[in-house]
């Protein structure tokens, strides 16, 4: 799928600014993560973006064996409308992880993925390969576009949305991508982070 030049420039500028802003705080974030629980500071997660699986970087916000515990917590999954997994008070999330997630600080290392061209600054919500496999055929166009650190579905309810509504918003974005839409989403993301961080 064609990726506009202006959007790549937007990605480079945005990810560079993001990395410059987060870099001074990284040692403190790393220390807090290490003191709070055992395991690495960073984690690499498989996500589908641009029609392929990429390793997405994040600050670790869960216990070390979080993925192995997922199957044991399946009965607590609050999402019954699709392949997604969500527990409001997920016991795998650490104390520091809750703070990082509240302000989406855990996602800051994804600016590396954006700078490298694996993710977009703005785009559809990244999904695990197992989740992506269950997308209905008429929404699979979303998987061929670079997924984003933020996006239309992320600023309109994120994981509180019904699965198909989330896909509808992501598809709308892919079909109507523009500089002004990206700018609007970025401004709305900032507004939410500063005034209502629980909304993302």
N, C-alpha and C. Protein backbone atom coordinates (compact mmCIF):
# COMPACT_ATOMS: atom_id res chain seq x y z
N UNK A 1 0.84 -1.19 0.00
CA UNK A 1 0.00 0.00 0.00
C UNK A 1 0.88 1.25 0.00
N UNK A 2 0.53 2.24 -0.84
CA UNK A 2 1.31 3.47 -0.95
C UNK A 2 1.35 4.23 0.36
N UNK A 3 2.56 4.65 0.74
CA UNK A 3 2.75 5.41 1.98
C UNK A 3 3.24 6.80 1.58
N UNK A 4 2.45 7.86 1.82
CA UNK A 4 2.80 9.21 1.37
C UNK A 4 4.14 9.70 1.93
N UNK A 5 4.86 10.45 1.11
CA UNK A 5 6.14 11.02 1.53
C UNK A 5 5.97 11.96 2.71
N UNK A 6 4.91 12.79 2.67
CA UNK A 6 4.69 13.72 3.77
C UNK A 6 4.52 12.98 5.09
N UNK A 7 3.91 11.78 5.01
CA UNK A 7 3.66 11.01 6.23
C UNK A 7 4.96 10.44 6.79
N UNK A 8 5.86 10.04 5.90
CA UNK A 8 7.16 9.54 6.36
C UNK A 8 7.95 10.67 7.02
N UNK A 9 7.89 11.87 6.46
CA UNK A 9 8.56 13.02 7.06
C UNK A 9 7.94 13.34 8.41
N UNK A 10 6.62 13.23 8.49
CA UNK A 10 5.88 13.44 9.74
C UNK A 10 6.37 12.44 10.79
N UNK A 11 6.56 11.18 10.36
CA UNK A 11 7.04 10.12 11.26
C UNK A 11 8.43 10.44 11.79
N UNK A 12 9.33 10.83 10.90
CA UNK A 12 10.72 11.10 11.30
C UNK A 12 10.80 12.26 12.27
N UNK A 13 10.09 13.35 11.96
CA UNK A 13 10.11 14.52 12.84
C UNK A 13 9.46 14.21 14.19
N UNK A 14 8.29 13.56 14.13
CA UNK A 14 7.57 13.24 15.36
C UNK A 14 8.32 12.27 16.26
N UNK A 15 8.89 11.22 15.66
CA UNK A 15 9.61 10.22 16.46
C UNK A 15 10.91 10.80 17.03
N UNK A 16 11.56 11.68 16.27
CA UNK A 16 12.79 12.31 16.77
C UNK A 16 12.48 13.18 17.98
N UNK A 17 11.42 13.98 17.89
CA UNK A 17 11.02 14.82 19.03
C UNK A 17 10.64 13.95 20.23
N UNK A 18 9.91 12.87 19.96
CA UNK A 18 9.51 11.97 21.04
C UNK A 18 10.70 11.34 21.75
N UNK A 19 11.69 10.91 20.97
CA UNK A 19 12.89 10.29 21.56
C UNK A 19 13.70 11.31 22.36
N UNK A 20 13.79 12.53 21.84
CA UNK A 20 14.52 13.59 22.55
C UNK A 20 13.84 13.88 23.89
N UNK A 21 12.52 13.88 23.91
CA UNK A 21 11.78 14.18 25.14
C UNK A 21 11.89 13.06 26.17
N UNK A 22 11.84 11.80 25.72
CA UNK A 22 11.82 10.68 26.65
C UNK A 22 13.22 10.28 27.12
N UNK A 23 14.26 10.57 26.32
CA UNK A 23 15.61 10.12 26.64
C UNK A 23 16.10 10.54 28.02
N UNK A 24 15.92 11.81 28.44
CA UNK A 24 16.42 12.20 29.77
C UNK A 24 15.76 11.45 30.92
N UNK A 25 14.54 10.97 30.71
CA UNK A 25 13.80 10.28 31.77
C UNK A 25 13.99 8.76 31.74
N UNK A 26 14.61 8.25 30.69
CA UNK A 26 14.76 6.81 30.54
C UNK A 26 15.51 6.14 31.69
N UNK A 27 16.63 6.71 32.19
CA UNK A 27 17.31 6.06 33.32
C UNK A 27 16.42 5.94 34.56
N UNK A 28 15.60 6.96 34.83
CA UNK A 28 14.70 6.91 35.99
C UNK A 28 13.60 5.88 35.79
N UNK A 29 13.07 5.83 34.58
CA UNK A 29 12.03 4.84 34.26
C UNK A 29 12.60 3.43 34.39
N UNK A 30 13.82 3.25 33.87
CA UNK A 30 14.48 1.94 33.93
C UNK A 30 14.72 1.52 35.37
N UNK A 31 15.17 2.44 36.20
CA UNK A 31 15.43 2.14 37.62
C UNK A 31 14.13 1.76 38.33
N UNK A 32 13.06 2.50 38.07
CA UNK A 32 11.78 2.20 38.71
C UNK A 32 11.27 0.82 38.32
N UNK A 33 11.40 0.46 37.04
CA UNK A 33 10.96 -0.85 36.56
C UNK A 33 11.76 -1.97 37.23
N UNK A 34 13.08 -1.80 37.31
CA UNK A 34 13.95 -2.83 37.89
C UNK A 34 13.72 -2.99 39.39
N UNK A 35 13.48 -1.88 40.09
CA UNK A 35 13.25 -1.95 41.54
C UNK A 35 11.88 -2.54 41.87
N UNK A 36 10.94 -2.38 40.95
CA UNK A 36 9.57 -2.81 41.22
C UNK A 36 9.36 -4.30 40.99
N UNK A 37 10.01 -4.86 39.97
CA UNK A 37 9.79 -6.27 39.66
C UNK A 37 10.97 -6.85 38.88
N UNK A 38 11.07 -8.16 38.90
CA UNK A 38 12.15 -8.85 38.20
C UNK A 38 11.86 -8.89 36.70
N UNK A 39 12.92 -8.72 35.91
CA UNK A 39 12.75 -8.81 34.47
C UNK A 39 13.45 -7.67 33.76
N UNK A 40 13.43 -7.68 32.43
CA UNK A 40 14.11 -6.64 31.65
C UNK A 40 13.38 -5.31 31.70
N UNK A 41 14.06 -4.24 31.35
CA UNK A 41 13.45 -2.91 31.28
C UNK A 41 12.57 -2.81 30.04
N UNK A 42 13.07 -3.32 28.94
CA UNK A 42 12.33 -3.25 27.67
C UNK A 42 11.80 -4.63 27.30
N UNK A 43 10.73 -4.62 26.53
CA UNK A 43 10.22 -5.86 25.96
C UNK A 43 9.94 -5.64 24.48
N UNK A 44 10.06 -6.72 23.71
CA UNK A 44 9.78 -6.67 22.27
C UNK A 44 8.58 -7.56 22.00
N UNK A 45 7.54 -6.97 21.44
CA UNK A 45 6.29 -7.67 21.22
C UNK A 45 6.00 -7.79 19.73
N UNK A 46 5.47 -8.92 19.31
CA UNK A 46 5.09 -9.12 17.91
C UNK A 46 3.80 -8.37 17.60
N UNK A 47 3.87 -7.53 16.59
CA UNK A 47 2.69 -6.79 16.14
C UNK A 47 2.66 -6.78 14.62
N UNK A 48 1.47 -6.73 14.05
CA UNK A 48 1.32 -6.66 12.60
C UNK A 48 1.28 -5.20 12.17
N UNK A 49 2.13 -4.85 11.22
CA UNK A 49 2.19 -3.47 10.72
C UNK A 49 2.69 -3.50 9.28
N UNK A 50 1.98 -2.82 8.40
CA UNK A 50 2.40 -2.79 7.00
C UNK A 50 2.39 -4.15 6.34
N UNK A 51 1.49 -5.02 6.79
CA UNK A 51 1.36 -6.33 6.18
C UNK A 51 2.37 -7.36 6.63
N UNK A 52 3.15 -7.07 7.67
CA UNK A 52 4.12 -8.03 8.18
C UNK A 52 4.23 -7.93 9.70
N UNK A 53 4.85 -8.92 10.30
CA UNK A 53 5.03 -8.92 11.75
C UNK A 53 6.33 -8.20 12.09
N UNK A 54 6.25 -7.23 13.00
CA UNK A 54 7.43 -6.48 13.44
C UNK A 54 7.57 -6.60 14.95
N UNK A 55 8.77 -6.40 15.44
CA UNK A 55 9.04 -6.39 16.87
C UNK A 55 8.88 -4.97 17.39
N UNK A 56 7.87 -4.75 18.22
CA UNK A 56 7.57 -3.42 18.73
C UNK A 56 8.15 -3.28 20.13
N UNK A 57 8.86 -2.18 20.37
CA UNK A 57 9.51 -1.94 21.66
C UNK A 57 8.58 -1.24 22.65
N UNK A 58 8.66 -1.67 23.91
CA UNK A 58 7.89 -1.02 24.97
C UNK A 58 8.68 -1.11 26.27
N UNK A 59 8.43 -0.16 27.18
CA UNK A 59 8.92 -0.34 28.55
C UNK A 59 8.07 -1.45 29.16
N UNK A 60 8.71 -2.37 29.86
CA UNK A 60 7.96 -3.49 30.45
C UNK A 60 7.03 -2.97 31.54
N UNK A 61 5.75 -3.32 31.42
CA UNK A 61 4.75 -2.87 32.39
C UNK A 61 4.07 -4.05 33.09
N UNK A 62 4.48 -5.27 32.71
CA UNK A 62 3.89 -6.48 33.31
C UNK A 62 4.98 -7.33 33.96
N UNK A 63 4.54 -8.32 34.69
CA UNK A 63 5.48 -9.26 35.29
C UNK A 63 6.20 -10.01 34.17
N UNK A 64 7.33 -10.61 34.51
CA UNK A 64 8.21 -11.21 33.52
C UNK A 64 7.54 -12.31 32.69
N UNK A 65 6.69 -13.11 33.30
CA UNK A 65 6.07 -14.24 32.60
C UNK A 65 4.62 -13.94 32.19
N UNK A 66 4.35 -12.69 31.84
CA UNK A 66 2.98 -12.25 31.54
C UNK A 66 2.32 -13.04 30.43
N UNK A 67 3.05 -13.33 29.36
CA UNK A 67 2.46 -14.04 28.23
C UNK A 67 2.06 -15.45 28.61
N UNK A 68 2.87 -16.09 29.45
CA UNK A 68 2.57 -17.46 29.88
C UNK A 68 1.32 -17.50 30.77
N UNK A 69 1.06 -16.41 31.48
CA UNK A 69 -0.09 -16.35 32.39
C UNK A 69 -1.39 -16.03 31.66
N UNK A 70 -1.29 -15.59 30.42
CA UNK A 70 -2.47 -15.14 29.69
C UNK A 70 -3.54 -16.23 29.59
N UNK A 71 -3.12 -17.45 29.27
CA UNK A 71 -4.08 -18.54 29.11
C UNK A 71 -4.79 -18.87 30.43
N UNK A 72 -4.07 -18.69 31.54
CA UNK A 72 -4.65 -18.98 32.86
C UNK A 72 -5.67 -17.92 33.27
N UNK A 73 -5.60 -16.75 32.64
CA UNK A 73 -6.52 -15.66 32.99
C UNK A 73 -7.61 -15.47 31.95
N UNK A 74 -7.67 -16.38 30.99
CA UNK A 74 -8.63 -16.25 29.89
C UNK A 74 -10.07 -16.12 30.38
N UNK A 75 -10.41 -16.78 31.49
CA UNK A 75 -11.78 -16.74 31.99
C UNK A 75 -12.16 -15.37 32.53
N UNK A 76 -11.16 -14.50 32.74
CA UNK A 76 -11.41 -13.15 33.25
C UNK A 76 -11.51 -12.12 32.13
N UNK A 77 -11.29 -12.56 30.91
CA UNK A 77 -11.32 -11.64 29.77
C UNK A 77 -12.66 -10.94 29.67
N UNK A 78 -12.62 -9.60 29.64
CA UNK A 78 -13.85 -8.80 29.59
C UNK A 78 -14.32 -8.55 28.15
N UNK A 79 -13.48 -8.89 27.17
CA UNK A 79 -13.86 -8.68 25.78
C UNK A 79 -14.53 -9.93 25.24
N UNK A 80 -15.81 -9.81 24.94
CA UNK A 80 -16.58 -10.94 24.42
C UNK A 80 -17.01 -10.71 22.98
N UNK A 81 -16.57 -9.59 22.38
CA UNK A 81 -17.06 -9.20 21.06
C UNK A 81 -16.03 -9.41 19.96
N UNK A 82 -14.94 -10.13 20.26
CA UNK A 82 -13.91 -10.33 19.26
C UNK A 82 -12.71 -11.04 19.84
N UNK A 83 -11.58 -11.02 19.15
CA UNK A 83 -10.39 -11.78 19.58
C UNK A 83 -9.52 -11.06 20.61
N UNK A 84 -9.91 -9.86 21.03
CA UNK A 84 -9.07 -9.06 21.91
C UNK A 84 -9.13 -9.54 23.35
N UNK A 85 -8.08 -9.20 24.11
CA UNK A 85 -7.96 -9.64 25.50
C UNK A 85 -7.80 -8.42 26.39
N UNK A 86 -8.69 -8.29 27.38
CA UNK A 86 -8.60 -7.15 28.29
C UNK A 86 -9.19 -7.50 29.65
N UNK A 87 -8.42 -7.19 30.69
CA UNK A 87 -8.89 -7.32 32.07
C UNK A 87 -8.67 -5.95 32.72
N UNK A 88 -9.72 -5.37 33.26
CA UNK A 88 -9.64 -4.01 33.80
C UNK A 88 -8.51 -3.87 34.81
N UNK A 89 -8.47 -4.76 35.78
CA UNK A 89 -7.40 -4.74 36.78
C UNK A 89 -6.52 -5.97 36.58
N UNK A 90 -5.83 -5.99 35.47
CA UNK A 90 -5.00 -7.13 35.09
C UNK A 90 -3.94 -7.39 36.16
N UNK A 91 -3.96 -8.56 36.80
CA UNK A 91 -3.00 -8.86 37.87
C UNK A 91 -1.56 -8.97 37.37
N UNK A 92 -1.36 -9.04 36.07
CA UNK A 92 -0.01 -9.13 35.52
C UNK A 92 0.69 -7.79 35.46
N UNK A 93 -0.09 -6.71 35.54
CA UNK A 93 0.49 -5.36 35.46
C UNK A 93 1.13 -5.00 36.78
N UNK A 94 2.37 -4.52 36.74
CA UNK A 94 3.09 -4.15 37.97
C UNK A 94 2.63 -2.79 38.47
N UNK A 95 3.08 -2.41 39.66
CA UNK A 95 2.72 -1.09 40.22
C UNK A 95 3.27 0.03 39.34
N UNK A 96 4.53 -0.08 38.98
CA UNK A 96 5.12 0.92 38.08
C UNK A 96 4.44 0.85 36.72
N UNK A 97 4.12 -0.36 36.28
CA UNK A 97 3.45 -0.54 35.00
C UNK A 97 2.12 0.19 34.92
N UNK A 98 1.38 0.22 36.02
CA UNK A 98 0.09 0.92 36.02
C UNK A 98 0.29 2.42 35.77
N UNK A 99 1.33 2.97 36.38
CA UNK A 99 1.63 4.39 36.17
C UNK A 99 2.07 4.63 34.73
N UNK A 100 2.94 3.79 34.23
CA UNK A 100 3.44 3.95 32.86
C UNK A 100 2.30 3.86 31.85
N UNK A 101 1.38 2.93 32.09
CA UNK A 101 0.26 2.74 31.16
C UNK A 101 -0.73 3.90 31.24
N UNK A 102 -0.93 4.42 32.43
CA UNK A 102 -1.89 5.52 32.60
C UNK A 102 -1.55 6.69 31.69
N UNK A 103 -0.27 6.99 31.58
CA UNK A 103 0.17 8.12 30.77
C UNK A 103 0.81 7.67 29.45
N UNK A 104 0.65 6.40 29.13
CA UNK A 104 1.17 5.79 27.90
C UNK A 104 2.68 5.93 27.76
N UNK A 105 3.36 6.06 28.89
CA UNK A 105 4.82 6.14 28.86
C UNK A 105 5.43 4.83 28.42
N UNK A 106 4.73 3.72 28.71
CA UNK A 106 5.25 2.40 28.32
C UNK A 106 5.42 2.28 26.81
N UNK A 107 4.67 3.09 26.04
CA UNK A 107 4.73 3.01 24.58
C UNK A 107 5.80 3.92 23.98
N UNK A 108 6.46 4.73 24.80
CA UNK A 108 7.44 5.69 24.28
C UNK A 108 8.55 5.05 23.44
N UNK A 109 9.07 3.86 23.81
CA UNK A 109 10.11 3.24 22.98
C UNK A 109 9.66 2.92 21.55
N UNK A 110 8.35 2.96 21.30
CA UNK A 110 7.86 2.72 19.95
C UNK A 110 8.30 3.81 18.98
N UNK A 111 8.75 4.95 19.51
CA UNK A 111 9.29 5.99 18.63
C UNK A 111 10.49 5.45 17.85
N UNK A 112 11.19 4.48 18.42
CA UNK A 112 12.30 3.83 17.70
C UNK A 112 11.76 3.11 16.47
N UNK A 113 10.64 2.39 16.67
CA UNK A 113 10.01 1.69 15.54
C UNK A 113 9.53 2.66 14.47
N UNK A 114 9.02 3.81 14.91
CA UNK A 114 8.55 4.81 13.96
C UNK A 114 9.73 5.38 13.17
N UNK A 115 10.81 5.70 13.87
CA UNK A 115 11.99 6.26 13.20
C UNK A 115 12.56 5.28 12.18
N UNK A 116 12.50 3.98 12.51
CA UNK A 116 13.02 2.95 11.61
C UNK A 116 12.06 2.61 10.48
N UNK A 117 10.86 3.17 10.51
CA UNK A 117 9.90 2.93 9.45
C UNK A 117 9.05 1.69 9.62
N UNK A 118 9.06 1.08 10.80
CA UNK A 118 8.28 -0.13 11.05
C UNK A 118 6.86 0.19 11.50
N UNK A 119 6.70 1.33 12.18
CA UNK A 119 5.39 1.82 12.59
C UNK A 119 5.23 3.24 12.06
N UNK A 120 4.01 3.74 12.12
CA UNK A 120 3.73 5.13 11.80
C UNK A 120 3.51 5.90 13.09
N UNK A 121 3.69 7.21 13.03
CA UNK A 121 3.37 8.03 14.20
C UNK A 121 1.87 7.98 14.44
N UNK A 122 1.10 8.07 13.35
CA UNK A 122 -0.36 7.97 13.41
C UNK A 122 -0.80 6.86 12.47
N UNK A 123 -1.66 5.98 12.96
CA UNK A 123 -2.13 4.88 12.11
C UNK A 123 -3.08 3.98 12.86
N UNK A 124 -3.51 2.88 12.26
CA UNK A 124 -4.39 1.92 12.94
C UNK A 124 -3.71 1.34 14.18
N UNK A 125 -4.52 0.83 15.06
CA UNK A 125 -4.01 0.27 16.31
C UNK A 125 -3.23 -1.02 16.05
N UNK A 126 -1.99 -1.14 16.55
CA UNK A 126 -1.21 -2.37 16.34
C UNK A 126 -1.86 -3.58 17.02
N UNK A 127 -1.80 -4.72 16.33
CA UNK A 127 -2.43 -5.93 16.86
C UNK A 127 -1.46 -7.10 16.87
N UNK A 128 -1.68 -8.02 17.81
CA UNK A 128 -0.92 -9.26 17.85
C UNK A 128 -1.29 -10.09 16.62
N UNK A 129 -0.35 -10.89 16.11
CA UNK A 129 -0.64 -11.71 14.92
C UNK A 129 -1.88 -12.59 15.08
N UNK A 130 -2.08 -13.16 16.29
CA UNK A 130 -3.23 -14.04 16.52
C UNK A 130 -4.54 -13.26 16.41
N UNK A 131 -4.51 -12.00 16.85
CA UNK A 131 -5.70 -11.15 16.75
C UNK A 131 -5.95 -10.74 15.30
N UNK A 132 -4.86 -10.38 14.61
CA UNK A 132 -4.97 -9.93 13.21
C UNK A 132 -5.54 -11.02 12.31
N UNK A 133 -5.22 -12.27 12.61
CA UNK A 133 -5.72 -13.39 11.81
C UNK A 133 -7.24 -13.49 11.82
N UNK A 134 -7.86 -12.91 12.84
CA UNK A 134 -9.31 -13.01 12.99
C UNK A 134 -10.05 -11.77 12.49
N UNK A 135 -9.33 -10.86 11.84
CA UNK A 135 -9.99 -9.70 11.23
C UNK A 135 -10.92 -10.17 10.11
N UNK A 136 -12.15 -9.66 10.04
CA UNK A 136 -13.02 -9.96 8.90
C UNK A 136 -12.37 -9.50 7.59
N UNK A 137 -12.66 -10.17 6.51
CA UNK A 137 -12.00 -9.91 5.23
C UNK A 137 -12.10 -8.45 4.79
N UNK A 138 -13.25 -7.81 5.00
CA UNK A 138 -13.43 -6.44 4.53
C UNK A 138 -12.69 -5.41 5.38
N UNK A 139 -12.02 -5.85 6.44
CA UNK A 139 -11.23 -4.94 7.26
C UNK A 139 -9.73 -5.23 7.18
N UNK A 140 -9.35 -6.19 6.38
CA UNK A 140 -7.94 -6.59 6.34
C UNK A 140 -7.05 -5.55 5.67
N UNK A 141 -7.65 -4.58 5.00
CA UNK A 141 -6.89 -3.47 4.44
C UNK A 141 -6.14 -2.71 5.54
N UNK A 142 -6.70 -2.74 6.74
CA UNK A 142 -6.09 -2.07 7.89
C UNK A 142 -4.72 -2.67 8.21
N UNK A 143 -4.57 -3.97 8.02
CA UNK A 143 -3.33 -4.67 8.36
C UNK A 143 -2.20 -4.37 7.37
N UNK A 144 -2.57 -3.93 6.17
CA UNK A 144 -1.56 -3.63 5.16
C UNK A 144 -0.96 -2.24 5.30
N UNK A 145 -1.57 -1.43 6.16
CA UNK A 145 -1.08 -0.07 6.39
C UNK A 145 -0.19 -0.07 7.64
N UNK A 146 0.78 0.83 7.69
CA UNK A 146 1.62 0.91 8.90
C UNK A 146 0.77 1.29 10.10
N UNK A 147 0.84 0.49 11.14
CA UNK A 147 0.09 0.78 12.35
C UNK A 147 0.78 1.88 13.14
N UNK A 148 0.01 2.56 14.01
CA UNK A 148 0.53 3.77 14.63
C UNK A 148 0.63 3.77 16.14
N UNK A 149 1.50 4.63 16.65
CA UNK A 149 1.62 4.85 18.09
C UNK A 149 0.32 5.44 18.63
N UNK A 150 -0.31 6.30 17.83
CA UNK A 150 -1.64 6.79 18.14
C UNK A 150 -2.46 6.71 16.86
N UNK A 151 -3.76 6.93 16.99
CA UNK A 151 -4.59 6.80 15.80
C UNK A 151 -6.04 7.16 16.08
N UNK A 152 -6.87 7.05 15.07
CA UNK A 152 -8.27 7.47 15.19
C UNK A 152 -9.03 6.64 16.21
N UNK A 153 -8.82 5.33 16.22
CA UNK A 153 -9.52 4.50 17.21
C UNK A 153 -8.97 4.73 18.61
N UNK A 154 -7.66 5.00 18.71
CA UNK A 154 -7.04 5.22 20.02
C UNK A 154 -7.60 6.47 20.71
N UNK A 155 -7.94 7.50 19.94
CA UNK A 155 -8.43 8.75 20.55
C UNK A 155 -9.95 8.82 20.60
N UNK A 156 -10.59 7.73 20.23
CA UNK A 156 -12.06 7.70 20.28
C UNK A 156 -12.58 6.54 21.11
N UNK A 157 -11.86 6.24 22.18
CA UNK A 157 -12.33 5.21 23.09
C UNK A 157 -11.40 4.05 23.28
N UNK A 158 -10.46 3.85 22.34
CA UNK A 158 -9.45 2.79 22.44
C UNK A 158 -10.10 1.45 22.78
N UNK A 159 -9.60 0.79 23.83
CA UNK A 159 -10.05 -0.57 24.15
C UNK A 159 -11.46 -0.63 24.72
N UNK A 160 -12.09 0.53 24.97
CA UNK A 160 -13.48 0.52 25.45
C UNK A 160 -14.46 0.38 24.29
N UNK A 161 -13.94 0.53 23.06
CA UNK A 161 -14.79 0.39 21.88
C UNK A 161 -15.11 -1.07 21.59
N UNK A 162 -16.26 -1.29 20.95
CA UNK A 162 -16.55 -2.62 20.45
C UNK A 162 -15.54 -2.95 19.35
N UNK A 163 -15.21 -4.21 19.20
CA UNK A 163 -14.18 -4.63 18.26
C UNK A 163 -14.46 -4.13 16.84
N UNK A 164 -15.69 -4.32 16.35
CA UNK A 164 -16.01 -3.90 14.98
C UNK A 164 -16.00 -2.38 14.84
N UNK A 165 -16.38 -1.65 15.88
CA UNK A 165 -16.34 -0.20 15.83
C UNK A 165 -14.89 0.28 15.72
N UNK A 166 -14.01 -0.39 16.44
CA UNK A 166 -12.59 -0.07 16.37
C UNK A 166 -12.06 -0.29 14.95
N UNK A 167 -12.45 -1.40 14.36
CA UNK A 167 -12.03 -1.69 12.99
C UNK A 167 -12.60 -0.68 11.99
N UNK A 168 -13.83 -0.25 12.23
CA UNK A 168 -14.46 0.75 11.36
C UNK A 168 -13.66 2.06 11.38
N UNK A 169 -13.25 2.49 12.56
CA UNK A 169 -12.47 3.72 12.68
C UNK A 169 -11.11 3.58 12.02
N UNK A 170 -10.46 2.44 12.22
CA UNK A 170 -9.15 2.21 11.60
C UNK A 170 -9.27 2.17 10.08
N UNK A 171 -10.33 1.53 9.58
CA UNK A 171 -10.53 1.47 8.13
C UNK A 171 -10.81 2.86 7.57
N UNK A 172 -11.61 3.62 8.27
CA UNK A 172 -11.91 4.99 7.83
C UNK A 172 -10.62 5.80 7.73
N UNK A 173 -9.75 5.63 8.73
CA UNK A 173 -8.48 6.37 8.72
C UNK A 173 -7.65 6.00 7.48
N UNK A 174 -7.51 4.71 7.23
CA UNK A 174 -6.70 4.24 6.10
C UNK A 174 -7.24 4.78 4.78
N UNK A 175 -8.56 4.86 4.67
CA UNK A 175 -9.18 5.30 3.42
C UNK A 175 -9.25 6.82 3.28
N UNK A 176 -9.01 7.55 4.38
CA UNK A 176 -9.10 9.01 4.33
C UNK A 176 -7.86 9.69 4.91
N UNK A 177 -6.73 8.99 4.89
CA UNK A 177 -5.52 9.54 5.49
C UNK A 177 -5.15 10.89 4.86
N UNK A 178 -4.80 11.85 5.71
CA UNK A 178 -4.39 13.18 5.23
C UNK A 178 -3.55 13.85 6.32
N UNK A 179 -2.81 14.84 5.92
CA UNK A 179 -1.99 15.58 6.88
C UNK A 179 -2.85 16.18 7.98
N UNK A 180 -3.98 16.77 7.59
CA UNK A 180 -4.83 17.45 8.57
C UNK A 180 -5.48 16.47 9.52
N UNK A 181 -5.81 15.28 9.04
CA UNK A 181 -6.37 14.26 9.93
C UNK A 181 -5.31 13.79 10.92
N UNK A 182 -4.08 13.59 10.45
CA UNK A 182 -2.99 13.20 11.34
C UNK A 182 -2.76 14.27 12.41
N UNK A 183 -2.75 15.53 11.99
CA UNK A 183 -2.53 16.64 12.93
C UNK A 183 -3.64 16.69 13.97
N UNK A 184 -4.87 16.52 13.53
CA UNK A 184 -6.02 16.53 14.44
C UNK A 184 -5.90 15.40 15.47
N UNK A 185 -5.51 14.21 15.01
CA UNK A 185 -5.37 13.06 15.92
C UNK A 185 -4.26 13.31 16.94
N UNK A 186 -3.14 13.89 16.48
CA UNK A 186 -2.02 14.19 17.38
C UNK A 186 -2.44 15.20 18.46
N UNK A 187 -3.16 16.24 18.06
CA UNK A 187 -3.61 17.25 19.02
C UNK A 187 -4.59 16.66 20.02
N UNK A 188 -5.47 15.78 19.53
CA UNK A 188 -6.44 15.14 20.42
C UNK A 188 -5.73 14.18 21.38
N UNK A 189 -4.69 13.51 20.89
CA UNK A 189 -3.90 12.62 21.76
C UNK A 189 -3.27 13.41 22.90
N UNK A 190 -2.68 14.55 22.59
CA UNK A 190 -2.06 15.39 23.61
C UNK A 190 -3.10 15.88 24.62
N UNK A 191 -4.27 16.28 24.13
CA UNK A 191 -5.33 16.75 25.02
C UNK A 191 -5.78 15.66 25.98
N UNK A 192 -5.91 14.44 25.46
CA UNK A 192 -6.32 13.32 26.30
C UNK A 192 -5.24 12.99 27.34
N UNK A 193 -3.97 12.98 26.92
CA UNK A 193 -2.88 12.64 27.83
C UNK A 193 -2.77 13.64 28.98
N UNK A 194 -3.01 14.91 28.68
CA UNK A 194 -2.89 15.94 29.70
C UNK A 194 -4.14 16.08 30.57
N UNK A 195 -5.30 15.83 30.01
CA UNK A 195 -6.54 16.11 30.73
C UNK A 195 -7.38 14.88 31.07
N UNK A 196 -7.18 13.77 30.33
CA UNK A 196 -7.96 12.56 30.61
C UNK A 196 -7.18 11.33 30.19
N UNK A 197 -6.05 11.03 30.87
CA UNK A 197 -5.19 9.92 30.46
C UNK A 197 -5.85 8.55 30.51
N UNK A 198 -6.96 8.41 31.24
CA UNK A 198 -7.63 7.11 31.31
C UNK A 198 -8.40 6.82 30.04
N UNK A 199 -8.51 7.80 29.15
CA UNK A 199 -9.31 7.62 27.93
C UNK A 199 -8.56 6.95 26.81
N UNK A 200 -7.24 6.74 26.95
CA UNK A 200 -6.45 6.14 25.87
C UNK A 200 -5.93 4.78 26.30
